[in-house]
Protein backbone atom coordinates (compact mmCIF):
# COMPACT_ATOMS: atom_id res chain seq x y z
CA MET A 1 -41.87 31.91 29.26
CA LYS A 2 -40.21 32.11 32.94
CA ILE A 3 -40.91 28.11 33.78
CA ILE A 4 -39.69 27.00 30.07
CA ILE A 5 -36.42 29.16 30.91
CA GLN A 6 -35.88 28.03 34.57
CA GLU A 7 -36.51 24.54 33.69
CA TYR A 8 -34.33 24.49 30.60
CA GLY A 9 -32.63 27.63 30.41
CA LYS A 10 -29.46 25.72 32.36
CA ALA A 11 -29.22 23.11 29.50
CA ILE A 12 -29.69 25.68 26.70
CA LEU A 13 -26.78 27.99 28.24
CA THR A 14 -24.81 24.61 28.35
CA SER A 15 -25.11 23.33 25.09
CA LEU A 16 -24.54 26.73 23.93
CA ALA A 17 -21.22 27.41 25.68
CA ALA A 18 -19.97 23.60 24.15
CA VAL A 19 -20.67 24.80 20.80
CA LEU A 20 -19.02 28.24 21.03
CA ILE A 21 -16.09 26.08 22.65
CA LEU A 22 -16.06 23.36 19.59
CA VAL A 23 -16.43 26.73 17.40
CA PHE A 24 -13.78 28.21 19.11
CA CYS A 25 -11.03 25.28 18.79
CA LEU A 26 -11.77 24.15 15.70
CA TYR A 27 -11.69 27.61 14.16
CA GLY A 28 -8.03 27.22 15.32
CA ILE A 29 -7.12 24.60 13.02
CA VAL A 30 -4.52 25.35 9.92
CA GLY A 31 -5.04 23.04 6.76
CA THR A 32 -1.77 22.11 4.91
CA GLU A 33 -1.93 24.90 2.67
CA GLY A 34 -2.61 27.75 5.15
CA GLU A 35 -6.67 27.13 5.03
CA GLN A 36 -8.23 28.41 8.41
CA GLY A 37 -11.00 26.29 10.48
CA ILE A 38 -12.87 22.90 10.31
CA PHE A 39 -15.03 24.66 7.60
CA ALA A 40 -12.36 25.64 5.06
CA LEU A 41 -11.01 22.42 5.15
CA LEU A 42 -14.41 20.34 5.00
CA GLN A 43 -15.11 22.80 2.08
CA LYS A 44 -11.89 22.27 0.13
CA TYR A 45 -11.54 18.22 0.73
CA ALA A 46 -15.09 17.12 0.89
CA SER A 47 -16.01 18.47 -2.44
CA ASN A 48 -16.29 16.28 -5.79
CA ALA A 49 -15.19 19.43 -7.62
CA GLY A 50 -12.40 18.66 -10.48
CA ARG A 51 -12.70 15.33 -9.81
CA THR A 52 -12.65 12.13 -12.17
CA TYR A 53 -13.84 8.74 -12.27
CA GLN A 54 -10.38 7.36 -13.36
CA LEU A 55 -9.92 5.71 -9.70
CA TYR A 56 -13.12 3.99 -10.29
CA GLU A 57 -11.73 2.61 -13.52
CA ASP A 58 -8.74 1.88 -12.37
CA ARG A 59 -10.21 -0.04 -9.80
CA GLU A 60 -12.61 -2.37 -12.45
CA VAL A 61 -9.85 -2.90 -14.41
CA TYR A 62 -7.94 -4.09 -11.23
CA HIS A 63 -10.73 -6.64 -10.20
CA SER A 64 -11.00 -8.07 -13.73
CA VAL A 65 -6.79 -8.62 -13.81
CA ILE A 66 -6.68 -10.14 -10.10
CA GLN A 67 -9.39 -12.36 -11.48
CA ARG A 68 -7.28 -13.89 -14.27
CA ASN A 69 -6.38 -17.48 -14.15
CA PRO A 70 -2.42 -17.69 -13.57
CA PRO A 71 -0.30 -19.19 -16.98
CA THR A 72 -0.27 -22.72 -17.36
CA ILE A 73 3.18 -24.36 -17.82
CA GLU A 74 4.00 -27.59 -19.45
CA TYR A 75 6.77 -29.73 -19.76
CA ILE A 76 7.94 -30.58 -23.21
CA GLY A 77 8.71 -34.45 -23.19
CA GLN A 78 12.23 -34.36 -24.05
CA ASP A 79 15.21 -36.89 -23.61
CA ILE A 80 17.58 -34.74 -21.46
CA HIS A 81 21.33 -36.48 -21.60
CA ALA A 82 23.81 -35.75 -18.56
CA GLY A 83 26.79 -33.54 -19.33
CA GLU A 84 24.67 -31.84 -22.75
CA LYS A 85 23.74 -28.24 -22.13
CA VAL A 86 19.84 -27.78 -22.17
CA LYS A 87 18.09 -24.55 -22.56
CA TRP A 88 15.41 -23.62 -20.58
CA GLN A 89 12.81 -22.40 -23.53
CA SER A 90 13.32 -25.77 -25.36
CA LEU A 91 11.74 -27.85 -22.35
CA PHE A 92 8.74 -25.54 -21.09
CA LEU A 93 6.25 -23.80 -22.78
CA ALA A 94 3.53 -21.48 -20.91
CA SER A 95 0.85 -19.74 -21.88
CA ASP A 96 -1.45 -16.91 -20.21
CA ALA A 97 -5.57 -17.15 -19.69
CA ASP A 98 -6.05 -15.86 -23.06
CA LYS A 99 -3.69 -18.61 -24.57
CA ARG A 100 -0.94 -16.58 -25.41
CA GLN A 101 2.52 -17.86 -25.17
CA THR A 102 4.77 -16.06 -22.33
CA ALA A 103 8.05 -16.20 -20.94
CA VAL A 104 9.40 -18.97 -18.63
CA GLN A 105 11.67 -18.69 -16.23
CA VAL A 106 13.36 -21.14 -14.16
CA ILE A 107 13.65 -20.52 -10.31
CA SER A 108 15.97 -23.61 -9.14
CA VAL A 109 17.01 -27.10 -9.71
CA ASP A 110 16.72 -29.22 -6.93
CA GLU A 111 16.62 -26.38 -4.35
CA ASN A 112 19.85 -24.44 -6.28
CA GLN A 113 18.98 -20.71 -7.63
CA ILE A 114 19.29 -20.74 -11.61
CA GLU A 115 19.79 -17.34 -12.97
CA ASP A 116 21.05 -18.61 -16.74
CA THR A 117 18.79 -19.74 -19.59
CA SER A 118 20.52 -22.97 -20.17
CA TYR A 119 21.74 -25.93 -17.87
CA ILE A 120 23.90 -28.85 -17.73
CA PHE A 121 22.72 -31.77 -15.65
CA PRO A 122 25.84 -33.32 -13.99
CA GLN A 123 24.91 -36.49 -13.42
CA SER A 124 21.72 -39.02 -14.64
CA GLY A 125 18.88 -39.16 -12.17
CA THR A 126 15.53 -37.28 -11.36
CA TYR A 127 15.66 -33.73 -10.70
CA GLU A 128 13.29 -31.12 -9.34
CA ILE A 129 12.91 -28.06 -11.38
CA LEU A 130 10.87 -24.88 -10.32
CA VAL A 131 9.59 -22.99 -13.23
CA SER A 132 7.80 -19.86 -13.31
CA ALA A 133 5.57 -17.77 -15.78
CA LYS A 134 4.32 -14.18 -15.77
CA ASP A 135 1.77 -13.25 -18.27
CA GLU A 136 1.61 -9.06 -19.53
CA TYR A 137 -0.74 -7.97 -16.42
CA GLY A 138 1.69 -9.74 -13.81
CA ILE A 139 0.12 -13.33 -12.71
CA THR A 140 2.20 -15.03 -11.71
CA ALA A 141 2.47 -19.23 -11.95
CA TRP A 142 4.69 -21.56 -9.84
CA LYS A 143 5.22 -25.12 -11.01
CA TYR A 144 7.60 -28.00 -9.81
CA PHE A 145 8.50 -30.91 -12.14
CA HIS A 146 10.44 -33.74 -11.64
CA ILE A 147 12.42 -34.20 -14.83
CA PRO A 148 14.07 -37.44 -15.52
CA VAL A 149 17.95 -37.25 -16.85
CA GLN A 150 19.90 -40.15 -18.79
CA ARG A 151 23.08 -40.98 -18.28
CA ARG A 152 25.68 -39.63 -21.51
CA LYS A 153 25.50 -40.77 -24.88
CA VAL A 154 28.22 -43.12 -25.81
CA ASN A 155 29.49 -42.14 -29.11
CA ALA A 156 29.94 -45.31 -31.50
């Protein structure tokens, strides 16, 4: 026994001192709600008591939503004449992944921002129009269209 104490005594005393210092230091930790010591904090925050699986259910819903295809946006071929007011809803259709119709919003015409639901093309030519559509889950699609605009109608 004397040999064991002589050989391993120093290591045992050093490790015992280190453990006592750690316990003394960690006992001084105070939580936000007054919990005293590391063990009280671990008991409070590491426990599963009172937890629900709502977070996991929300994660599954999130993954199913982000895997959805974005809405598809189509141009409805229509004659457009310069100087005539055109409603965007009559030019574009959008549908979500479930084939339900969604709202269409025109973002820009020839890189000029648009906020109105209608527009008057000032002259004939081809216009670049950026259109967006968002489904009920917040999945958004953007698409550029090159739309031809004809000269004004001449009334006879």
